[in-house]
Amino acid sequence: MILITGVAGFIGFHLAIKLLDNGLIVIGVDNLNDYYDQSLKEDRLLILKNYKSFIFYKKDLVNIDSINLVFKNHEIENVVHLAAQAGVRYSITNPKAYIDSNIYGFLNILEQCRYFSIDKFIYASSSSVYGMNKKTPFSTLDNVDHPVSLYGATKRSNELIAHSYSHLYKIKSIGLRFFTVYGPWGRPDMALFLFTKSILNNKKINVFNNGKMKRDFTYIGDVIDGIHAILNSNFKFKKPDKLNSSSSSAPFRLFNIGNNSPINLMDFIYEIEKKLNMKAKINFMPMQPGDVVESHADVKSFVENFNYSPKTSVSQGIEQFINWYKEYYKV
């Protein structure tokens, strides 16, 4: 039995589908907040509720008593913690939401894992922890003590808190640094969604740093295959992690999940234009606070340990998203 927090979110929804299709029982928790269009979350949830082996709780992780009831009611073996307040730019104007969800909520889930002897704890970190690191590709062995956004800082805090819990209570934990995940049912605040919507509506798209940016876009299907491989693993790793290379015997690891093939933002936009057969109207803008020029994931360690193999090209992934978008919004 697996608990997924943030189950009505983009990654949580796709992971739940994968596990349910494999015959597993999934307990889903989500507070269905209004950070973006709630109808999208509700429609994801409607699909999940068609599965008899899916059980849903509308709960806020900040309330530890309500989360405790979920663990008491079910014999949960593994936890995939994906619930978080997302978004770099939103963290600049709404910092408290990140402390509540990403710090208090994270701690509350770890406390339940501690008391109920959960076998595996897998949680979402982010490429944002790398901040303004200049060396590419980004490696989990790199120093990440200088995040440039509060969002990145909370995710780095999650990694450190998880390490201490692994060390003290022998909780087996893996943190996954996701790199710009995209695909069908994606978040409306992400670039692909925003660009597609604006181009179809003949509106300008905002392109920051005058388009001089690169991103390691990672297709949702590849991400889900990676998480599924972890859940099926025995948590025996081939090489030590930097945080685990000292005398600590913590069963703790960090991995990047990326495509290991960054693309120029303007080339990304060009692919969208090709798939839509429309030309984008571009509003070039300066760099935004908290943003970074380039992201590039070093996935060697993940490949070695879980045979991870991202196989969806950006062109294929954009086509899959646009097909879904047109169907869902009846374009």
C-alpha atoms as a PDB file:
ATOM      1  CA  MET A   1       0.000   0.000   0.000  1.00  0.00           C
ATOM      2  CA  ILE A   2       1.473   3.324  -1.117  1.00  0.00           C
ATOM      3  CA  LEU A   3       0.655   6.840   0.056  1.00  0.00           C
ATOM      4  CA  ILE A   4       1.067   9.653  -2.472  1.00  0.00           C
ATOM      5  CA  THR A   5       0.811  13.212  -1.192  1.00  0.00           C
ATOM      6  CA  GLY A   6      -0.107  15.848  -3.757  1.00  0.00           C
ATOM      7  CA  VAL A   7      -1.978  13.119  -5.644  1.00  0.00           C
ATOM      8  CA  ALA A   8      -4.140  15.607  -7.552  1.00  0.00           C
ATOM      9  CA  GLY A   9      -1.016  17.418  -8.732  1.00  0.00           C
ATOM     10  CA  PHE A  10       0.740  16.890 -12.045  1.00  0.00           C
ATOM     11  CA  ILE A  11       3.355  14.299 -11.046  1.00  0.00           C
ATOM     12  CA  GLY A  12       1.253  12.741  -8.285  1.00  0.00           C
ATOM     13  CA  PHE A  13      -1.631  12.088 -10.677  1.00  0.00           C
ATOM     14  CA  HIS A  14       0.555  10.361 -13.263  1.00  0.00           C
ATOM     15  CA  LEU A  15       2.318   8.263 -10.630  1.00  0.00           C
ATOM     16  CA  ALA A  16      -0.990   7.165  -9.123  1.00  0.00           C
ATOM     17  CA  ILE A  17      -2.226   6.058 -12.572  1.00  0.00           C
ATOM     18  CA  LYS A  18       0.949   4.039 -13.102  1.00  0.00           C
ATOM     19  CA  LEU A  19       0.702   2.275  -9.735  1.00  0.00           C
ATOM     20  CA  LEU A  20      -3.039   1.666  -9.969  1.00  0.00           C
ATOM     21  CA  ASP A  21      -2.631   0.176 -13.444  1.00  0.00           C
ATOM     22  CA  ASN A  22      -0.075  -2.175 -11.892  1.00  0.00           C
ATOM     23  CA  GLY A  23      -2.669  -3.411  -9.398  1.00  0.00           C
ATOM     24  CA  LEU A  24      -1.450  -1.575  -6.311  1.00  0.00           C
ATOM     25  CA  ILE A  25      -3.553   0.118  -3.656  1.00  0.00           C
ATOM     26  CA  VAL A  26      -2.944   3.871  -3.590  1.00  0.00           C
ATOM     27  CA  ILE A  27      -3.855   6.209  -0.754  1.00  0.00           C
ATOM     28  CA  GLY A  28      -3.961   9.759  -2.081  1.00  0.00           C
ATOM     29  CA  VAL A  29      -3.769  12.974  -0.061  1.00  0.00           C
ATOM     30  CA  ASP A  30      -4.216  16.499  -1.443  1.00  0.00           C
ATOM     31  CA  ASN A  31      -5.556  19.787  -0.089  1.00  0.00           C
ATOM     32  CA  LEU A  32      -6.683  20.925  -3.566  1.00  0.00           C
ATOM     33  CA  ASN A  33      -5.429  24.467  -2.969  1.00  0.00           C
ATOM     34  CA  ASP A  34      -6.051  27.300  -5.410  1.00  0.00           C
ATOM     35  CA  TYR A  35      -2.459  27.994  -6.488  1.00  0.00           C
ATOM     36  CA  TYR A  36      -3.692  27.195  -9.998  1.00  0.00           C
ATOM     37  CA  ASP A  37      -7.013  26.236 -11.586  1.00  0.00           C
ATOM     38  CA  GLN A  38      -8.663  23.820  -9.167  1.00  0.00           C
ATOM     39  CA  SER A  39     -10.842  22.334 -11.909  1.00  0.00           C
ATOM     40  CA  LEU A  40      -7.728  20.764 -13.433  1.00  0.00           C
ATOM     41  CA  LYS A  41      -6.930  19.081 -10.113  1.00  0.00           C
ATOM     42  CA  GLU A  42     -10.540  17.973  -9.714  1.00  0.00           C
ATOM     43  CA  ASP A  43     -10.593  16.461 -13.209  1.00  0.00           C
ATOM     44  CA  ARG A  44      -7.401  14.531 -12.480  1.00  0.00           C
ATOM     45  CA  LEU A  45      -9.033  13.300  -9.288  1.00  0.00           C
ATOM     46  CA  LEU A  46     -12.173  12.181 -11.130  1.00  0.00           C
ATOM     47  CA  ILE A  47     -10.045   9.865 -13.266  1.00  0.00           C
ATOM     48  CA  LEU A  48      -8.313   8.413 -10.195  1.00  0.00           C
ATOM     49  CA  LYS A  49     -11.611   7.809  -8.430  1.00  0.00           C
ATOM     50  CA  ASN A  50     -12.623   5.423 -11.220  1.00  0.00           C
ATOM     51  CA  TYR A  51     -10.157   2.940  -9.721  1.00  0.00           C
ATOM     52  CA  LYS A  52     -11.560   0.774  -6.931  1.00  0.00           C
ATOM     53  CA  SER A  53      -8.125   0.496  -5.339  1.00  0.00           C
ATOM     54  CA  PHE A  54      -7.770   4.286  -4.957  1.00  0.00           C
ATOM     55  CA  ILE A  55      -8.629   5.953  -1.649  1.00  0.00           C
ATOM     56  CA  PHE A  56      -8.613   9.753  -1.393  1.00  0.00           C
ATOM     57  CA  TYR A  57      -8.337  12.108   1.564  1.00  0.00           C
ATOM     58  CA  LYS A  58      -8.686  15.854   1.246  1.00  0.00           C
ATOM     59  CA  LYS A  59      -6.182  16.887   3.910  1.00  0.00           C
ATOM     60  CA  ASP A  60      -3.690  19.677   4.531  1.00  0.00           C
ATOM     61  CA  LEU A  61      -0.288  18.373   5.588  1.00  0.00           C
ATOM     62  CA  VAL A  62       0.172  21.339   7.917  1.00  0.00           C
ATOM     63  CA  ASN A  63      -2.468  19.753  10.169  1.00  0.00           C
ATOM     64  CA  ILE A  64      -0.546  16.863  11.700  1.00  0.00           C
ATOM     65  CA  ASP A  65      -3.596  15.386  13.460  1.00  0.00           C
ATOM     66  CA  SER A  66      -5.513  14.929  10.193  1.00  0.00           C
ATOM     67  CA  ILE A  67      -2.480  13.316   8.546  1.00  0.00           C
ATOM     68  CA  ASN A  68      -2.023  11.051  11.541  1.00  0.00           C
ATOM     69  CA  LEU A  69      -5.534   9.670  10.955  1.00  0.00           C
ATOM     70  CA  VAL A  70      -4.597   8.619   7.415  1.00  0.00           C
ATOM     71  CA  PHE A  71      -1.635   6.594   8.695  1.00  0.00           C
ATOM     72  CA  LYS A  72      -3.733   5.092  11.492  1.00  0.00           C
ATOM     73  CA  ASN A  73      -6.456   3.997   9.060  1.00  0.00           C
ATOM     74  CA  HIS A  74      -4.157   2.165   6.633  1.00  0.00           C
ATOM     75  CA  GLU A  75      -1.128  -0.113   6.698  1.00  0.00           C
ATOM     76  CA  ILE A  76       1.042   2.110   4.539  1.00  0.00           C
ATOM     77  CA  GLU A  77       4.377   0.635   3.453  1.00  0.00           C
ATOM     78  CA  ASN A  78       5.840   3.339   1.214  1.00  0.00           C
ATOM     79  CA  VAL A  79       5.353   7.102   0.997  1.00  0.00           C
ATOM     80  CA  VAL A  80       5.912   9.243  -2.093  1.00  0.00           C
ATOM     81  CA  HIS A  81       5.776  12.821  -0.878  1.00  0.00           C
ATOM     82  CA  LEU A  82       5.073  15.151  -3.796  1.00  0.00           C
ATOM     83  CA  ALA A  83       2.844  17.732  -2.090  1.00  0.00           C
ATOM     84  CA  ALA A  84       4.505  21.148  -1.923  1.00  0.00           C
ATOM     85  CA  GLN A  85       3.994  24.781  -2.729  1.00  0.00           C
ATOM     86  CA  ALA A  86       5.603  25.002  -6.152  1.00  0.00           C
ATOM     87  CA  GLY A  87       6.865  27.872  -8.279  1.00  0.00           C
ATOM     88  CA  VAL A  88       9.951  30.064  -8.059  1.00  0.00           C
ATOM     89  CA  ARG A  89       8.322  33.405  -8.865  1.00  0.00           C
ATOM     90  CA  TYR A  90       5.332  32.888  -6.568  1.00  0.00           C
ATOM     91  CA  SER A  91       7.738  32.397  -3.646  1.00  0.00           C
ATOM     92  CA  ILE A  92       8.924  35.989  -4.000  1.00  0.00           C
ATOM     93  CA  THR A  93       5.498  37.421  -3.171  1.00  0.00           C
ATOM     94  CA  ASN A  94       4.045  34.623  -1.009  1.00  0.00           C
ATOM     95  CA  PRO A  95       6.887  33.295   1.161  1.00  0.00           C
ATOM     96  CA  LYS A  96       4.703  32.064   4.035  1.00  0.00           C
ATOM     97  CA  ALA A  97       2.954  29.535   1.786  1.00  0.00           C
ATOM     98  CA  TYR A  98       6.345  27.873   1.191  1.00  0.00           C
ATOM     99  CA  ILE A  99       7.303  27.692   4.848  1.00  0.00           C
ATOM    100  CA  ASP A 100       3.906  26.238   5.779  1.00  0.00           C
ATOM    101  CA  SER A 101       3.704  23.595   3.074  1.00  0.00           C
ATOM    102  CA  ASN A 102       7.336  22.821   2.287  1.00  0.00           C
ATOM    103  CA  ILE A 103       8.743  22.931   5.826  1.00  0.00           C
ATOM    104  CA  TYR A 104       5.945  22.212   8.310  1.00  0.00           C
ATOM    105  CA  GLY A 105       4.137  19.868   5.934  1.00  0.00           C
ATOM    106  CA  PHE A 106       7.354  18.024   5.134  1.00  0.00           C
ATOM    107  CA  LEU A 107       8.199  17.612   8.823  1.00  0.00           C
ATOM    108  CA  ASN A 108       4.714  16.312   9.613  1.00  0.00           C
ATOM    109  CA  ILE A 109       4.972  13.608   6.959  1.00  0.00           C
ATOM    110  CA  LEU A 110       8.408  12.561   8.198  1.00  0.00           C
ATOM    111  CA  GLU A 111       7.078  12.292  11.738  1.00  0.00           C
ATOM    112  CA  GLN A 112       4.425   9.847  10.532  1.00  0.00           C
ATOM    113  CA  CYS A 113       7.064   7.836   8.668  1.00  0.00           C
ATOM    114  CA  ARG A 114       9.013   7.680  11.916  1.00  0.00           C
ATOM    115  CA  TYR A 115       6.146   6.539  14.132  1.00  0.00           C
ATOM    116  CA  PHE A 116       4.617   4.094  11.664  1.00  0.00           C
ATOM    117  CA  SER A 117       7.907   2.512  10.505  1.00  0.00           C
ATOM    118  CA  ILE A 118       7.454   3.290   6.817  1.00  0.00           C
ATOM    119  CA  ASP A 119       9.701   1.186   4.575  1.00  0.00           C
ATOM    120  CA  LYS A 120      10.565   3.769   1.888  1.00  0.00           C
ATOM    121  CA  PHE A 121      10.210   7.546   1.865  1.00  0.00           C
ATOM    122  CA  ILE A 122      10.613   9.166  -1.558  1.00  0.00           C
ATOM    123  CA  TYR A 123      10.197  12.924  -1.822  1.00  0.00           C
ATOM    124  CA  ALA A 124      10.305  15.688  -4.397  1.00  0.00           C
ATOM    125  CA  SER A 125      13.245  18.022  -4.343  1.00  0.00           C
ATOM    126  CA  SER A 126      14.048  20.329  -7.250  1.00  0.00           C
ATOM    127  CA  SER A 127      16.736  21.497  -9.645  1.00  0.00           C
ATOM    128  CA  SER A 128      16.168  24.909  -8.006  1.00  0.00           C
ATOM    129  CA  VAL A 129      18.513  23.848  -5.185  1.00  0.00           C
ATOM    130  CA  TYR A 130      21.449  24.393  -7.566  1.00  0.00           C
ATOM    131  CA  GLY A 131      20.827  28.126  -7.631  1.00  0.00           C
ATOM    132  CA  MET A 132      23.419  29.992  -9.663  1.00  0.00           C
ATOM    133  CA  ASN A 133      25.893  27.096  -9.888  1.00  0.00           C
ATOM    134  CA  LYS A 134      28.084  27.643 -12.937  1.00  0.00           C
ATOM    135  CA  LYS A 135      29.389  24.100 -13.446  1.00  0.00           C
ATOM    136  CA  THR A 136      27.234  21.957 -15.698  1.00  0.00           C
ATOM    137  CA  PRO A 137      25.844  19.395 -15.739  1.00  0.00           C
ATOM    138  CA  PHE A 138      24.550  19.787 -12.195  1.00  0.00           C
ATOM    139  CA  SER A 139      25.604  16.903  -9.977  1.00  0.00           C
ATOM    140  CA  THR A 140      24.288  15.758  -6.603  1.00  0.00           C
ATOM    141  CA  LEU A 141      27.930  16.006  -5.472  1.00  0.00           C
ATOM    142  CA  ASP A 142      27.951  19.780  -6.113  1.00  0.00           C
ATOM    143  CA  ASN A 143      27.732  22.338  -3.322  1.00  0.00           C
ATOM    144  CA  VAL A 144      24.165  23.666  -3.183  1.00  0.00           C
ATOM    145  CA  ASP A 145      24.322  26.018  -0.214  1.00  0.00           C
ATOM    146  CA  HIS A 146      23.435  29.157  -2.179  1.00  0.00           C
ATOM    147  CA  PRO A 147      19.868  28.878  -3.536  1.00  0.00           C
ATOM    148  CA  VAL A 148      18.578  32.048  -5.203  1.00  0.00           C
ATOM    149  CA  SER A 149      14.874  31.521  -4.448  1.00  0.00           C
ATOM    150  CA  LEU A 150      12.939  30.726  -1.296  1.00  0.00           C
ATOM    151  CA  TYR A 151      11.425  27.775  -3.142  1.00  0.00           C
ATOM    152  CA  GLY A 152      14.915  26.375  -3.751  1.00  0.00           C
ATOM    153  CA  ALA A 153      15.855  27.053  -0.135  1.00  0.00           C
ATOM    154  CA  THR A 154      12.868  25.080   1.180  1.00  0.00           C
ATOM    155  CA  LYS A 155      13.705  22.160  -1.067  1.00  0.00           C
ATOM    156  CA  ARG A 156      17.306  22.156   0.143  1.00  0.00           C
ATOM    157  CA  SER A 157      15.972  22.261   3.700  1.00  0.00           C
ATOM    158  CA  ASN A 158      13.882  19.177   2.911  1.00  0.00           C
ATOM    159  CA  GLU A 159      17.006  17.294   1.862  1.00  0.00           C
ATOM    160  CA  LEU A 160      18.851  18.161   5.060  1.00  0.00           C
ATOM    161  CA  ILE A 161      15.881  17.329   7.288  1.00  0.00           C
ATOM    162  CA  ALA A 162      15.405  13.996   5.499  1.00  0.00           C
ATOM    163  CA  HIS A 163      19.075  13.189   5.999  1.00  0.00           C
ATOM    164  CA  SER A 164      18.870  13.821   9.732  1.00  0.00           C
ATOM    165  CA  TYR A 165      15.751  11.632  10.035  1.00  0.00           C
ATOM    166  CA  SER A 166      17.446   8.884   8.032  1.00  0.00           C
ATOM    167  CA  HIS A 167      20.478   9.081  10.291  1.00  0.00           C
ATOM    168  CA  LEU A 168      18.559   9.202  13.581  1.00  0.00           C
ATOM    169  CA  TYR A 169      15.659   6.858  12.831  1.00  0.00           C
ATOM    170  CA  LYS A 170      17.004   4.761   9.923  1.00  0.00           C
ATOM    171  CA  ILE A 171      14.222   5.931   7.600  1.00  0.00           C
ATOM    172  CA  LYS A 172      15.141   4.889   4.063  1.00  0.00           C
ATOM    173  CA  SER A 173      14.766   8.066   2.026  1.00  0.00           C
ATOM    174  CA  ILE A 174      15.442   9.230  -1.499  1.00  0.00           C
ATOM    175  CA  GLY A 175      15.202  12.843  -2.613  1.00  0.00           C
ATOM    176  CA  LEU A 176      14.567  13.458  -6.307  1.00  0.00           C
ATOM    177  CA  ARG A 177      15.715  16.693  -7.877  1.00  0.00           C
ATOM    178  CA  PHE A 178      13.242  17.137 -10.725  1.00  0.00           C
ATOM    179  CA  PHE A 179      14.287  19.122 -13.804  1.00  0.00           C
ATOM    180  CA  THR A 180      11.451  21.058 -15.522  1.00  0.00           C
ATOM    181  CA  VAL A 181       8.898  18.265 -15.795  1.00  0.00           C
ATOM    182  CA  TYR A 182       6.342  18.710 -18.598  1.00  0.00           C
ATOM    183  CA  GLY A 183       3.664  16.773 -20.458  1.00  0.00           C
ATOM    184  CA  PRO A 184      -0.111  16.110 -20.580  1.00  0.00           C
ATOM    185  CA  TRP A 185      -2.060  17.327 -17.546  1.00  0.00           C
ATOM    186  CA  GLY A 186       0.844  19.681 -16.747  1.00  0.00           C
ATOM    187  CA  ARG A 187       0.695  22.723 -14.490  1.00  0.00           C
ATOM    188  CA  PRO A 188      -0.803  25.926 -15.980  1.00  0.00           C
ATOM    189  CA  ASP A 189       2.041  28.042 -14.546  1.00  0.00           C
ATOM    190  CA  MET A 190       4.728  26.161 -16.475  1.00  0.00           C
ATOM    191  CA  ALA A 191       6.276  27.472 -19.706  1.00  0.00           C
ATOM    192  CA  LEU A 192       4.842  24.903 -22.124  1.00  0.00           C
ATOM    193  CA  PHE A 193       1.296  25.437 -20.850  1.00  0.00           C
ATOM    194  CA  LEU A 194       1.606  29.239 -20.809  1.00  0.00           C
ATOM    195  CA  PHE A 195       3.173  29.407 -24.272  1.00  0.00           C
ATOM    196  CA  THR A 196       0.675  27.021 -25.861  1.00  0.00           C
ATOM    197  CA  LYS A 197      -2.310  28.845 -24.390  1.00  0.00           C
ATOM    198  CA  SER A 198      -1.072  32.300 -25.425  1.00  0.00           C
ATOM    199  CA  ILE A 199      -0.069  31.296 -28.958  1.00  0.00           C
ATOM    200  CA  LEU A 200      -3.444  29.640 -29.577  1.00  0.00           C
ATOM    201  CA  ASN A 201      -5.177  32.784 -28.307  1.00  0.00           C
ATOM    202  CA  ASN A 202      -2.976  35.028 -30.452  1.00  0.00           C
ATOM    203  CA  LYS A 203      -1.480  36.688 -27.378  1.00  0.00           C
ATOM    204  CA  LYS A 204       2.122  37.581 -26.628  1.00  0.00           C
ATOM    205  CA  ILE A 205       4.292  35.251 -24.608  1.00  0.00           C
ATOM    206  CA  ASN A 206       6.732  36.602 -22.027  1.00  0.00           C
ATOM    207  CA  VAL A 207      10.258  35.327 -22.665  1.00  0.00           C
ATOM    208  CA  PHE A 208      12.718  36.183 -19.901  1.00  0.00           C
ATOM    209  CA  ASN A 209      16.419  37.018 -20.188  1.00  0.00           C
ATOM    210  CA  ASN A 210      15.665  37.878 -23.822  1.00  0.00           C
ATOM    211  CA  GLY A 211      15.372  34.171 -24.568  1.00  0.00           C
ATOM    212  CA  LYS A 212      18.973  33.406 -23.606  1.00  0.00           C
ATOM    213  CA  MET A 213      18.153  30.465 -21.353  1.00  0.00           C
ATOM    214  CA  LYS A 214      18.481  26.687 -21.453  1.00  0.00           C
ATOM    215  CA  ARG A 215      16.389  24.090 -19.673  1.00  0.00           C
ATOM    216  CA  ASP A 216      16.676  20.350 -19.157  1.00  0.00           C
ATOM    217  CA  PHE A 217      13.040  19.580 -19.982  1.00  0.00           C
ATOM    218  CA  THR A 218      12.002  16.160 -18.667  1.00  0.00           C
ATOM    219  CA  TYR A 219       8.935  14.341 -19.968  1.00  0.00           C
ATOM    220  CA  ILE A 220       6.453  13.166 -17.346  1.00  0.00           C
ATOM    221  CA  GLY A 221       6.461   9.560 -18.580  1.00  0.00           C
ATOM    222  CA  ASP A 222      10.228   9.299 -18.068  1.00  0.00           C
ATOM    223  CA  VAL A 223       9.906  10.781 -14.564  1.00  0.00           C
ATOM    224  CA  ILE A 224       7.217   8.265 -13.605  1.00  0.00           C
ATOM    225  CA  ASP A 225       9.282   5.345 -14.908  1.00  0.00           C
ATOM    226  CA  GLY A 226      12.140   6.572 -12.710  1.00  0.00           C
ATOM    227  CA  ILE A 227      10.018   6.764  -9.550  1.00  0.00           C
ATOM    228  CA  HIS A 228       8.498   3.357 -10.305  1.00  0.00           C
ATOM    229  CA  ALA A 229      11.990   1.857 -10.580  1.00  0.00           C
ATOM    230  CA  ILE A 230      12.859   3.234  -7.126  1.00  0.00           C
ATOM    231  CA  LEU A 231       9.719   1.749  -5.568  1.00  0.00           C
ATOM    232  CA  ASN A 232      10.659  -1.650  -7.005  1.00  0.00           C
ATOM    233  CA  SER A 233      14.240  -1.419  -5.737  1.00  0.00           C
ATOM    234  CA  ASN A 234      15.858  -2.785  -2.573  1.00  0.00           C
ATOM    235  CA  PHE A 235      17.501   0.554  -1.690  1.00  0.00           C
ATOM    236  CA  LYS A 236      20.997  -0.871  -2.051  1.00  0.00           C
ATOM    237  CA  PHE A 237      23.107   1.687  -3.865  1.00  0.00           C
ATOM    238  CA  LYS A 238      26.256   1.249  -5.927  1.00  0.00           C
ATOM    239  CA  LYS A 239      28.065   4.405  -4.817  1.00  0.00           C
ATOM    240  CA  PRO A 240      27.925   6.600  -1.702  1.00  0.00           C
ATOM    241  CA  ASP A 241      26.214   9.970  -1.809  1.00  0.00           C
ATOM    242  CA  LYS A 242      28.195  13.021  -0.683  1.00  0.00           C
ATOM    243  CA  LEU A 243      26.008  13.450   2.401  1.00  0.00           C
ATOM    244  CA  ASN A 244      26.383   9.753   3.098  1.00  0.00           C
ATOM    245  CA  SER A 245      30.128   9.494   2.526  1.00  0.00           C
ATOM    246  CA  SER A 246      31.066  10.354   6.099  1.00  0.00           C
ATOM    247  CA  SER A 247      30.781   8.073   9.096  1.00  0.00           C
ATOM    248  CA  SER A 248      26.978   8.407   8.915  1.00  0.00           C
ATOM    249  CA  SER A 249      25.187   5.180   8.112  1.00  0.00           C
ATOM    250  CA  ALA A 250      21.985   6.947   7.060  1.00  0.00           C
ATOM    251  CA  PRO A 251      20.035   5.079   4.358  1.00  0.00           C
ATOM    252  CA  PHE A 252      19.731   8.323   2.395  1.00  0.00           C
ATOM    253  CA  ARG A 253      20.323   9.306  -1.226  1.00  0.00           C
ATOM    254  CA  LEU A 254      19.761  12.188  -3.637  1.00  0.00           C
ATOM    255  CA  PHE A 255      19.272  11.778  -7.379  1.00  0.00           C
ATOM    256  CA  ASN A 256      18.680  14.065 -10.337  1.00  0.00           C
ATOM    257  CA  ILE A 257      15.794  13.206 -12.642  1.00  0.00           C
ATOM    258  CA  GLY A 258      16.359  15.025 -15.907  1.00  0.00           C
ATOM    259  CA  ASN A 259      16.633  14.457 -19.618  1.00  0.00           C
ATOM    260  CA  ASN A 260      20.400  15.131 -19.562  1.00  0.00           C
ATOM    261  CA  SER A 261      19.945  17.138 -22.766  1.00  0.00           C
ATOM    262  CA  PRO A 262      19.172  20.831 -22.196  1.00  0.00           C
ATOM    263  CA  ILE A 263      17.553  22.826 -24.977  1.00  0.00           C
ATOM    264  CA  ASN A 264      17.669  26.533 -25.765  1.00  0.00           C
ATOM    265  CA  LEU A 265      14.448  28.272 -24.788  1.00  0.00           C
ATOM    266  CA  MET A 266      14.019  29.744 -28.276  1.00  0.00           C
ATOM    267  CA  ASP A 267      14.370  26.272 -29.808  1.00  0.00           C
ATOM    268  CA  PHE A 268      11.734  25.041 -27.359  1.00  0.00           C
ATOM    269  CA  ILE A 269       9.384  27.801 -28.509  1.00  0.00           C
ATOM    270  CA  TYR A 270      10.125  26.944 -32.134  1.00  0.00           C
ATOM    271  CA  GLU A 271       9.041  23.337 -31.504  1.00  0.00           C
ATOM    272  CA  ILE A 272       5.755  24.582 -30.050  1.00  0.00           C
ATOM    273  CA  GLU A 273       5.236  26.811 -33.092  1.00  0.00           C
ATOM    274  CA  LYS A 274       5.821  23.849 -35.406  1.00  0.00           C
ATOM    275  CA  LYS A 275       3.347  21.619 -33.588  1.00  0.00           C
ATOM    276  CA  LEU A 276       0.695  24.365 -33.500  1.00  0.00           C
ATOM    277  CA  ASN A 277       1.497  25.597 -36.999  1.00  0.00           C
ATOM    278  CA  MET A 278       1.344  29.115 -35.580  1.00  0.00           C
ATOM    279  CA  LYS A 279       3.890  31.856 -34.992  1.00  0.00           C
ATOM    280  CA  ALA A 280       4.480  33.124 -31.448  1.00  0.00           C
ATOM    281  CA  LYS A 281       4.285  36.811 -30.635  1.00  0.00           C
ATOM    282  CA  ILE A 282       7.162  37.357 -28.229  1.00  0.00           C
ATOM    283  CA  ASN A 283       7.582  39.936 -25.498  1.00  0.00           C
ATOM    284  CA  PHE A 284      11.271  39.770 -24.590  1.00  0.00           C
ATOM    285  CA  MET A 285      11.910  40.624 -20.950  1.00  0.00           C
ATOM    286  CA  PRO A 286      14.890  40.865 -18.561  1.00  0.00           C
ATOM    287  CA  MET A 287      15.911  38.084 -16.177  1.00  0.00           C
ATOM    288  CA  GLN A 288      13.477  37.520 -13.332  1.00  0.00           C
ATOM    289  CA  PRO A 289      14.573  37.441  -9.663  1.00  0.00           C
ATOM    290  CA  GLY A 290      15.126  33.884  -8.452  1.00  0.00           C
ATOM    291  CA  ASP A 291      15.457  32.466 -11.974  1.00  0.00           C
ATOM    292  CA  VAL A 292      18.547  30.779 -13.445  1.00  0.00           C
ATOM    293  CA  VAL A 293      20.070  30.912 -16.923  1.00  0.00           C
ATOM    294  CA  GLU A 294      20.621  27.179 -17.413  1.00  0.00           C
ATOM    295  CA  SER A 295      19.708  23.824 -15.934  1.00  0.00           C
ATOM    296  CA  HIS A 296      21.352  20.564 -16.905  1.00  0.00           C
ATOM    297  CA  ALA A 297      21.004  17.311 -14.969  1.00  0.00           C
ATOM    298  CA  ASP A 298      23.823  14.843 -14.441  1.00  0.00           C
ATOM    299  CA  VAL A 299      21.820  11.597 -14.256  1.00  0.00           C
ATOM    300  CA  LYS A 300      24.746   9.148 -14.303  1.00  0.00           C
ATOM    301  CA  SER A 301      24.145   7.991 -10.730  1.00  0.00           C
ATOM    302  CA  PHE A 302      20.432   7.462 -11.338  1.00  0.00           C
ATOM    303  CA  VAL A 303      21.170   5.475 -14.494  1.00  0.00           C
ATOM    304  CA  GLU A 304      23.683   3.274 -12.642  1.00  0.00           C
ATOM    305  CA  ASN A 305      21.347   2.501  -9.762  1.00  0.00           C
ATOM    306  CA  PHE A 306      17.973   2.208 -11.477  1.00  0.00           C
ATOM    307  CA  ASN A 307      18.674   1.729 -15.197  1.00  0.00           C
ATOM    308  CA  TYR A 308      16.990   5.075 -15.786  1.00  0.00           C
ATOM    309  CA  SER A 309      16.747   5.897 -19.470  1.00  0.00           C
ATOM    310  CA  PRO A 310      14.850   9.035 -20.532  1.00  0.00           C
ATOM    311  CA  LYS A 311      13.553   8.179 -23.984  1.00  0.00           C
ATOM    312  CA  THR A 312      11.105  10.959 -24.890  1.00  0.00           C
ATOM    313  CA  SER A 313      12.495  13.739 -27.060  1.00  0.00           C
ATOM    314  CA  VAL A 314      11.368  17.326 -26.515  1.00  0.00           C
ATOM    315  CA  SER A 315       9.654  17.253 -29.912  1.00  0.00           C
ATOM    316  CA  GLN A 316       7.682  14.123 -28.983  1.00  0.00           C
ATOM    317  CA  GLY A 317       6.849  15.456 -25.522  1.00  0.00           C
ATOM    318  CA  ILE A 318       5.566  18.784 -26.831  1.00  0.00           C
ATOM    319  CA  GLU A 319       3.391  16.957 -29.359  1.00  0.00           C
ATOM    320  CA  GLN A 320       1.913  14.780 -26.592  1.00  0.00           C
ATOM    321  CA  PHE A 321       1.148  17.845 -24.490  1.00  0.00           C
ATOM    322  CA  ILE A 322      -0.450  19.809 -27.332  1.00  0.00           C
ATOM    323  CA  ASN A 323      -2.622  16.834 -28.305  1.00  0.00           C
ATOM    324  CA  TRP A 324      -3.828  16.619 -24.713  1.00  0.00           C
ATOM    325  CA  TYR A 325      -4.325  20.395 -24.432  1.00  0.00           C
ATOM    326  CA  LYS A 326      -6.470  20.572 -27.580  1.00  0.00           C
ATOM    327  CA  GLU A 327      -8.603  17.649 -26.451  1.00  0.00           C
ATOM    328  CA  TYR A 328      -9.000  18.820 -22.850  1.00  0.00           C
ATOM    329  CA  TYR A 329      -9.846  22.434 -23.732  1.00  0.00           C
ATOM    330  CA  LYS A 330     -11.740  21.485 -26.879  1.00  0.00           C
ATOM    331  CA  VAL A 331      -9.587  23.667 -29.126  1.00  0.00           C
END
